[in-house]
C-alpha atoms as a PDB file:
ATOM      1  CA  MET A   1      -3.418  81.460-124.315  1.00  0.00           C
ATOM      2  CA  THR A   2      -1.700  83.205-121.427  1.00  0.00           C
ATOM      3  CA  ALA A   3      -1.035  81.587-118.075  1.00  0.00           C
ATOM      4  CA  LEU A   4      -3.794  83.652-116.450  1.00  0.00           C
ATOM      5  CA  GLN A   5      -6.321  82.614-119.085  1.00  0.00           C
ATOM      6  CA  ALA A   6      -5.446  78.974-118.456  1.00  0.00           C
ATOM      7  CA  LEU A   7      -6.599  79.191-114.854  1.00  0.00           C
ATOM      8  CA  ASP A   8      -9.889  77.452-114.112  1.00  0.00           C
ATOM      9  CA  TRP A   9     -11.771  79.382-111.431  1.00  0.00           C
ATOM     10  CA  SER A  10     -14.725  77.011-111.474  1.00  0.00           C
ATOM     11  CA  VAL A  11     -12.949  74.961-108.812  1.00  0.00           C
ATOM     12  CA  VAL A  12     -13.449  77.865-106.402  1.00  0.00           C
ATOM     13  CA  TRP A  13     -17.210  77.767-106.925  1.00  0.00           C
ATOM     14  CA  SER A  14     -17.302  73.980-106.681  1.00  0.00           C
ATOM     15  CA  TYR A  15     -15.445  73.907-103.370  1.00  0.00           C
ATOM     16  CA  GLY A  16     -16.641  77.283-102.090  1.00  0.00           C
ATOM     17  CA  PRO A  17     -18.841  75.812 -99.330  1.00  0.00           C
ATOM     18  CA  SER A  18     -15.900  73.782 -98.010  1.00  0.00           C
ATOM     19  CA  LEU A  19     -13.646  76.844 -98.013  1.00  0.00           C
ATOM     20  CA  LEU A  20     -16.287  78.885 -96.199  1.00  0.00           C
ATOM     21  CA  GLN A  21     -16.666  76.113 -93.621  1.00  0.00           C
ATOM     22  CA  GLY A  22     -12.912  76.248 -93.076  1.00  0.00           C
ATOM     23  CA  LEU A  23     -13.121  80.017 -92.683  1.00  0.00           C
ATOM     24  CA  LEU A  24     -15.751  79.585 -89.956  1.00  0.00           C
ATOM     25  CA  VAL A  25     -13.411  77.223 -88.094  1.00  0.00           C
ATOM     26  CA  SER A  26     -10.600  79.782 -88.370  1.00  0.00           C
ATOM     27  CA  LEU A  27     -12.906  82.505 -87.057  1.00  0.00           C
ATOM     28  CA  ALA A  28     -14.048  80.262 -84.198  1.00  0.00           C
ATOM     29  CA  LEU A  29     -10.439  79.667 -83.161  1.00  0.00           C
ATOM     30  CA  THR A  30      -9.788  83.393 -83.432  1.00  0.00           C
ATOM     31  CA  GLY A  31     -12.765  84.194 -81.210  1.00  0.00           C
ATOM     32  CA  ILE A  32     -11.751  81.648 -78.578  1.00  0.00           C
ATOM     33  CA  GLY A  33      -8.116  82.711 -78.625  1.00  0.00           C
ATOM     34  CA  PHE A  34      -8.866  86.425 -78.451  1.00  0.00           C
ATOM     35  CA  VAL A  35     -11.780  86.458 -75.996  1.00  0.00           C
ATOM     36  CA  VAL A  36     -10.658  83.706 -73.618  1.00  0.00           C
ATOM     37  CA  GLY A  37      -6.924  84.200 -74.035  1.00  0.00           C
ATOM     38  CA  GLY A  38      -6.441  87.823 -74.984  1.00  0.00           C
ATOM     39  CA  VAL A  39      -9.156  89.462 -72.902  1.00  0.00           C
ATOM     40  CA  GLY A  40      -9.733  86.946 -70.106  1.00  0.00           C
ATOM     41  CA  LEU A  41      -6.343  85.403 -69.420  1.00  0.00           C
ATOM     42  CA  GLY A  42      -4.517  88.536 -70.563  1.00  0.00           C
ATOM     43  CA  THR A  43      -6.322  90.682 -67.998  1.00  0.00           C
ATOM     44  CA  LEU A  44      -5.548  88.212 -65.211  1.00  0.00           C
ATOM     45  CA  LEU A  45      -1.881  88.072 -66.202  1.00  0.00           C
ATOM     46  CA  ALA A  46      -1.673  91.869 -66.361  1.00  0.00           C
ATOM     47  CA  ALA A  47      -3.126  92.179 -62.872  1.00  0.00           C
ATOM     48  CA  ALA A  48      -0.899  89.430 -61.469  1.00  0.00           C
ATOM     49  CA  SER A  49       2.260  90.834 -63.061  1.00  0.00           C
ATOM     50  CA  ARG A  50       1.611  94.174 -61.330  1.00  0.00           C
ATOM     51  CA  SER A  51       0.819  92.619 -57.989  1.00  0.00           C
ATOM     52  CA  ARG A  52       2.946  93.473 -54.955  1.00  0.00           C
ATOM     53  CA  ARG A  53       2.917  89.805 -54.014  1.00  0.00           C
ATOM     54  CA  ARG A  54       5.833  87.882 -55.427  1.00  0.00           C
ATOM     55  CA  LEU A  55       3.862  84.629 -55.428  1.00  0.00           C
ATOM     56  CA  LEU A  56       1.563  86.213 -58.010  1.00  0.00           C
ATOM     57  CA  ARG A  57       3.980  88.471 -59.861  1.00  0.00           C
ATOM     58  CA  TRP A  58       6.822  86.029 -60.559  1.00  0.00           C
ATOM     59  CA  PRO A  59       4.727  83.101 -61.875  1.00  0.00           C
ATOM     60  CA  ALA A  60       2.770  85.504 -64.111  1.00  0.00           C
ATOM     61  CA  ARG A  61       5.919  86.965 -65.598  1.00  0.00           C
ATOM     62  CA  ALA A  62       7.486  83.530 -66.031  1.00  0.00           C
ATOM     63  CA  PHE A  63       4.345  82.357 -67.830  1.00  0.00           C
ATOM     64  CA  VAL A  64       4.409  85.350 -70.164  1.00  0.00           C
ATOM     65  CA  GLU A  65       8.089  84.922 -71.002  1.00  0.00           C
ATOM     66  CA  PHE A  66       7.734  81.197 -71.678  1.00  0.00           C
ATOM     67  CA  TRP A  67       4.746  81.438 -74.001  1.00  0.00           C
ATOM     68  CA  ARG A  68       6.121  84.484 -75.821  1.00  0.00           C
ATOM     69  CA  SER A  69       9.559  82.934 -76.302  1.00  0.00           C
ATOM     70  CA  THR A  70       8.446  79.669 -77.907  1.00  0.00           C
ATOM     71  CA  PRO A  71       6.792  79.257 -81.340  1.00  0.00           C
ATOM     72  CA  LEU A  72       3.055  78.663 -81.544  1.00  0.00           C
ATOM     73  CA  LEU A  73       3.708  75.681 -83.817  1.00  0.00           C
ATOM     74  CA  VAL A  74       5.806  73.952 -81.144  1.00  0.00           C
ATOM     75  CA  GLN A  75       3.255  74.823 -78.463  1.00  0.00           C
ATOM     76  CA  ALA A  76       0.389  73.363 -80.488  1.00  0.00           C
ATOM     77  CA  ILE A  77       2.250  70.115 -81.246  1.00  0.00           C
ATOM     78  CA  TRP A  78       3.328  69.734 -77.624  1.00  0.00           C
ATOM     79  CA  MET A  79      -0.198  70.416 -76.391  1.00  0.00           C
ATOM     80  CA  HIS A  80      -1.664  67.768 -78.680  1.00  0.00           C
ATOM     81  CA  PHE A  81       0.883  64.994 -78.227  1.00  0.00           C
ATOM     82  CA  ALA A  82       2.781  65.571 -74.962  1.00  0.00           C
ATOM     83  CA  PHE A  83       0.073  67.038 -72.738  1.00  0.00           C
ATOM     84  CA  PRO A  84      -2.199  63.944 -72.968  1.00  0.00           C
ATOM     85  CA  MET A  85       0.751  61.677 -72.108  1.00  0.00           C
ATOM     86  CA  LEU A  86       1.519  63.716 -68.984  1.00  0.00           C
ATOM     87  CA  THR A  87      -2.041  64.206 -67.757  1.00  0.00           C
ATOM     88  CA  GLY A  88      -4.041  61.349 -69.259  1.00  0.00           C
ATOM     89  CA  LEU A  89      -6.499  63.892 -70.681  1.00  0.00           C
ATOM     90  CA  ARG A  90      -7.296  63.373 -74.351  1.00  0.00           C
ATOM     91  CA  THR A  91      -8.090  66.356 -76.533  1.00  0.00           C
ATOM     92  CA  THR A  92      -9.281  66.643 -80.105  1.00  0.00           C
ATOM     93  CA  PRO A  93      -7.125  68.541 -82.625  1.00  0.00           C
ATOM     94  CA  PHE A  94      -9.473  71.522 -82.354  1.00  0.00           C
ATOM     95  CA  GLU A  95      -9.293  71.498 -78.545  1.00  0.00           C
ATOM     96  CA  SER A  96      -5.495  71.216 -78.555  1.00  0.00           C
ATOM     97  CA  ALA A  97      -5.236  74.067 -81.046  1.00  0.00           C
ATOM     98  CA  ALA A  98      -7.623  76.233 -79.025  1.00  0.00           C
ATOM     99  CA  ILE A  99      -5.759  75.638 -75.747  1.00  0.00           C
ATOM    100  CA  ALA A 100      -2.385  76.440 -77.302  1.00  0.00           C
ATOM    101  CA  LEU A 101      -3.804  79.553 -78.913  1.00  0.00           C
ATOM    102  CA  VAL A 102      -5.435  80.755 -75.677  1.00  0.00           C
ATOM    103  CA  LEU A 103      -2.194  80.405 -73.718  1.00  0.00           C
ATOM    104  CA  ASN A 104      -0.092  82.013 -76.444  1.00  0.00           C
ATOM    105  CA  VAL A 105      -2.439  84.942 -77.043  1.00  0.00           C
ATOM    106  CA  GLY A 106      -2.949  85.424 -73.315  1.00  0.00           C
ATOM    107  CA  ALA A 107       0.786  85.948 -72.848  1.00  0.00           C
ATOM    108  CA  TYR A 108       1.036  88.542 -75.620  1.00  0.00           C
ATOM    109  CA  CYS A 109      -2.149  90.412 -74.722  1.00  0.00           C
ATOM    110  CA  GLY A 110      -1.251  90.300 -71.041  1.00  0.00           C
ATOM    111  CA  GLU A 111       1.730  92.524 -71.815  1.00  0.00           C
ATOM    112  CA  ILE A 112      -0.408  94.848 -73.927  1.00  0.00           C
ATOM    113  CA  ILE A 113      -2.965  95.220 -71.152  1.00  0.00           C
ATOM    114  CA  ARG A 114      -0.243  95.645 -68.536  1.00  0.00           C
ATOM    115  CA  ALA A 115       1.272  98.475 -70.563  1.00  0.00           C
ATOM    116  CA  GLY A 116      -2.167 100.074 -70.822  1.00  0.00           C
ATOM    117  CA  VAL A 117      -2.655  99.820 -67.069  1.00  0.00           C
ATOM    118  CA  ASP A 118       0.795 101.333 -66.485  1.00  0.00           C
ATOM    119  CA  ALA A 119      -0.296 104.291 -68.628  1.00  0.00           C
ATOM    120  CA  VAL A 120      -3.159 105.070 -66.229  1.00  0.00           C
ATOM    121  CA  PRO A 121      -2.013 107.920 -63.955  1.00  0.00           C
ATOM    122  CA  ARG A 122      -0.709 106.710 -60.618  1.00  0.00           C
ATOM    123  CA  GLY A 123      -2.999 109.147 -58.854  1.00  0.00           C
ATOM    124  CA  GLN A 124      -6.014 107.112 -59.962  1.00  0.00           C
ATOM    125  CA  PHE A 125      -4.786 104.125 -57.955  1.00  0.00           C
ATOM    126  CA  GLU A 126      -3.957 106.254 -54.940  1.00  0.00           C
ATOM    127  CA  ALA A 127      -7.331 108.013 -55.048  1.00  0.00           C
ATOM    128  CA  GLY A 128      -9.156 104.686 -55.202  1.00  0.00           C
ATOM    129  CA  ARG A 129      -7.234 103.302 -52.243  1.00  0.00           C
ATOM    130  CA  ALA A 130      -7.794 106.553 -50.302  1.00  0.00           C
ATOM    131  CA  LEU A 131     -11.540 106.073 -50.832  1.00  0.00           C
ATOM    132  CA  GLY A 132     -11.291 102.581 -49.402  1.00  0.00           C
ATOM    133  CA  LEU A 133     -12.181 100.778 -52.637  1.00  0.00           C
ATOM    134  CA  ARG A 134     -11.552  97.062 -52.651  1.00  0.00           C
ATOM    135  CA  PRO A 135      -8.970  95.872 -55.233  1.00  0.00           C
ATOM    136  CA  GLY A 136     -11.659  94.251 -57.385  1.00  0.00           C
ATOM    137  CA  VAL A 137     -13.770  97.413 -57.439  1.00  0.00           C
ATOM    138  CA  LEU A 138     -10.712  99.605 -58.029  1.00  0.00           C
ATOM    139  CA  TRP A 139      -9.730  97.571 -61.069  1.00  0.00           C
ATOM    140  CA  SER A 140     -13.186  97.085 -62.574  1.00  0.00           C
ATOM    141  CA  ARG A 141     -14.558 100.598 -61.981  1.00  0.00           C
ATOM    142  CA  VAL A 142     -11.500 102.853 -62.126  1.00  0.00           C
ATOM    143  CA  VAL A 143      -8.428 101.321 -63.753  1.00  0.00           C
ATOM    144  CA  LEU A 144      -9.667  99.021 -66.520  1.00  0.00           C
ATOM    145  CA  PRO A 145     -12.174 101.492 -68.083  1.00  0.00           C
ATOM    146  CA  GLN A 146      -9.310 103.949 -68.591  1.00  0.00           C
ATOM    147  CA  ALA A 147      -6.862 101.286 -69.734  1.00  0.00           C
ATOM    148  CA  VAL A 148      -9.319  99.906 -72.297  1.00  0.00           C
ATOM    149  CA  ARG A 149      -9.238 103.142 -74.291  1.00  0.00           C
ATOM    150  CA  ILE A 150      -5.467 102.824 -74.505  1.00  0.00           C
ATOM    151  CA  VAL A 151      -5.195  99.138 -75.372  1.00  0.00           C
ATOM    152  CA  VAL A 152      -8.011  98.778 -77.935  1.00  0.00           C
ATOM    153  CA  PRO A 153      -5.870  99.734 -80.982  1.00  0.00           C
ATOM    154  CA  PRO A 154      -3.040  97.264 -80.227  1.00  0.00           C
ATOM    155  CA  LEU A 155      -5.575  94.586 -79.228  1.00  0.00           C
ATOM    156  CA  VAL A 156      -7.299  94.943 -82.599  1.00  0.00           C
ATOM    157  CA  GLY A 157      -3.925  94.384 -84.231  1.00  0.00           C
ATOM    158  CA  SER A 158      -3.478  91.326 -82.039  1.00  0.00           C
ATOM    159  CA  ALA A 159      -6.869  89.976 -83.109  1.00  0.00           C
ATOM    160  CA  ILE A 160      -5.784  90.129 -86.753  1.00  0.00           C
ATOM    161  CA  SER A 161      -2.499  88.419 -85.868  1.00  0.00           C
ATOM    162  CA  VAL A 162      -4.432  85.693 -84.047  1.00  0.00           C
ATOM    163  CA  PHE A 163      -6.633  85.169 -87.089  1.00  0.00           C
ATOM    164  CA  LYS A 164      -3.606  84.763 -89.347  1.00  0.00           C
ATOM    165  CA  ALA A 165      -1.874  82.516 -86.816  1.00  0.00           C
ATOM    166  CA  THR A 166      -4.725  80.010 -87.011  1.00  0.00           C
ATOM    167  CA  ALA A 167      -3.247  78.898 -90.345  1.00  0.00           C
ATOM    168  CA  ILE A 168      -0.324  77.411 -88.398  1.00  0.00           C
ATOM    169  CA  LEU A 169      -2.707  75.180 -86.460  1.00  0.00           C
ATOM    170  CA  SER A 170      -3.621  73.256 -89.586  1.00  0.00           C
ATOM    171  CA  VAL A 171      -0.595  71.105 -88.729  1.00  0.00           C
ATOM    172  CA  LEU A 172      -2.846  69.389 -86.157  1.00  0.00           C
ATOM    173  CA  SER A 173      -5.338  68.469 -88.892  1.00  0.00           C
ATOM    174  CA  VAL A 174      -7.775  71.109 -87.703  1.00  0.00           C
ATOM    175  CA  ASN A 175     -10.192  71.733 -90.566  1.00  0.00           C
ATOM    176  CA  ASP A 176      -9.482  75.442 -90.731  1.00  0.00           C
ATOM    177  CA  LEU A 177      -9.302  77.446 -93.949  1.00  0.00           C
ATOM    178  CA  MET A 178      -5.661  76.604 -94.659  1.00  0.00           C
ATOM    179  CA  ARG A 179      -6.188  72.887 -94.074  1.00  0.00           C
ATOM    180  CA  VAL A 180      -9.243  72.814 -96.332  1.00  0.00           C
ATOM    181  CA  ALA A 181      -7.397  74.758 -99.022  1.00  0.00           C
ATOM    182  CA  ALA A 182      -4.502  72.294 -98.888  1.00  0.00           C
ATOM    183  CA  ARG A 183      -6.849  69.330 -99.251  1.00  0.00           C
ATOM    184  CA  VAL A 184      -8.783  70.888-102.124  1.00  0.00           C
ATOM    185  CA  SER A 185      -5.528  71.830-103.858  1.00  0.00           C
ATOM    186  CA  ALA A 186      -4.223  68.276-103.532  1.00  0.00           C
ATOM    187  CA  ASN A 187      -7.458  66.828-104.929  1.00  0.00           C
ATOM    188  CA  THR A 188      -7.841  69.224-107.860  1.00  0.00           C
ATOM    189  CA  TYR A 189      -4.184  69.977-108.739  1.00  0.00           C
ATOM    190  CA  GLN A 190      -5.140  73.641-108.999  1.00  0.00           C
ATOM    191  CA  PRO A 191      -3.205  75.308-106.169  1.00  0.00           C
ATOM    192  CA  ILE A 192      -3.134  78.801-107.683  1.00  0.00           C
ATOM    193  CA  GLU A 193      -6.911  79.121-107.881  1.00  0.00           C
ATOM    194  CA  VAL A 194      -7.521  77.501-104.493  1.00  0.00           C
ATOM    195  CA  TYR A 195      -4.902  79.420-102.519  1.00  0.00           C
ATOM    196  CA  THR A 196      -5.874  82.684-104.220  1.00  0.00           C
ATOM    197  CA  ALA A 197      -9.435  82.141-103.032  1.00  0.00           C
ATOM    198  CA  ALA A 198      -8.158  81.311 -99.531  1.00  0.00           C
ATOM    199  CA  ALA A 199      -6.042  84.484 -99.494  1.00  0.00           C
ATOM    200  CA  ALA A 200      -9.074  86.528-100.549  1.00  0.00           C
ATOM    201  CA  LEU A 201     -11.135  85.043 -97.716  1.00  0.00           C
ATOM    202  CA  TYR A 202      -8.367  85.769 -95.197  1.00  0.00           C
ATOM    203  CA  PHE A 203      -8.163  89.339 -96.507  1.00  0.00           C
ATOM    204  CA  MET A 204     -11.905  89.984 -96.293  1.00  0.00           C
ATOM    205  CA  ALA A 205     -12.152  88.513 -92.793  1.00  0.00           C
ATOM    206  CA  GLY A 206      -9.188  90.650 -91.711  1.00  0.00           C
ATOM    207  CA  LEU A 207     -10.925  93.752 -93.053  1.00  0.00           C
ATOM    208  CA  LEU A 208     -14.056  92.907 -91.064  1.00  0.00           C
ATOM    209  CA  ILE A 209     -12.014  92.518 -87.867  1.00  0.00           C
ATOM    210  CA  THR A 210     -10.301  95.848 -88.527  1.00  0.00           C
ATOM    211  CA  ALA A 211     -13.631  97.544 -89.200  1.00  0.00           C
ATOM    212  CA  ALA A 212     -15.094  96.130 -85.983  1.00  0.00           C
ATOM    213  CA  GLY A 213     -12.125  97.439 -84.016  1.00  0.00           C
ATOM    214  CA  ALA A 214     -12.387 100.877 -85.647  1.00  0.00           C
ATOM    215  CA  GLY A 215     -16.096 100.977 -84.795  1.00  0.00           C
ATOM    216  CA  MET A 216     -15.294 100.139 -81.177  1.00  0.00           C
ATOM    217  CA  GLU A 217     -12.741 102.957 -81.026  1.00  0.00           C
ATOM    218  CA  ARG A 218     -15.233 105.455 -82.444  1.00  0.00           C
ATOM    219  CA  GLY A 219     -17.855 104.326 -79.950  1.00  0.00           C
ATOM    220  CA  MET A 220     -15.485 104.841 -77.045  1.00  0.00           C
ATOM    221  CA  ARG A 221     -14.484 108.292 -78.291  1.00  0.00           C
ATOM    222  CA  ARG A 222     -18.134 109.298 -78.503  1.00  0.00           C
ATOM    223  CA  GLY A 223     -18.632 107.942 -74.995  1.00  0.00           C
ATOM    224  CA  VAL A 224     -15.783 110.040 -73.686  1.00  0.00           C
ATOM    225  CA  ALA A 225     -17.057 113.120 -75.516  1.00  0.00           C
END
């Protein structure tokens, strides 16, 4: 009997619901990190980092450099153990992981969005100001719609990176896919089968994220055409 024939894949079916539940937690963290951090916070940081006001520009750039220059693992541990001691606010492992992920992803995506905004022709800004558009209207109606077409491809790549990074957050005992796989592996003593199934789930979810991003790109191209 070969080593492959000795593998018992029935453990995957037995613990499949638990692995799928862990995948849903990983996807939830990905959604929070990407939407709140990447799109929401990232857009604010991009706007602030391009501001003419130093009180906005310098703190935004300092924030980006700090969160990009420190590991997500350290950020998550600090957020869960040190932040409550300093503020008195208690957070669950999931909440600590989500906050750390939002801040980390916001810093990275802020630079992506800023680069996309910088790629918008300068004349667009000048034309908007010449028409008397308020800054909020100029950004929402003129600048961001053009920048979105530029930043979607790298943002899709960031979404996949965020999804994979959620595995790091299992260190906080968040019941994500990696944490569940580790527990099942420890209980069954069948790590090859369990982690192979986890890798397959990560791969399929990554493909779905990629497909969603490709569909968004095609939709925008049709809109432009």
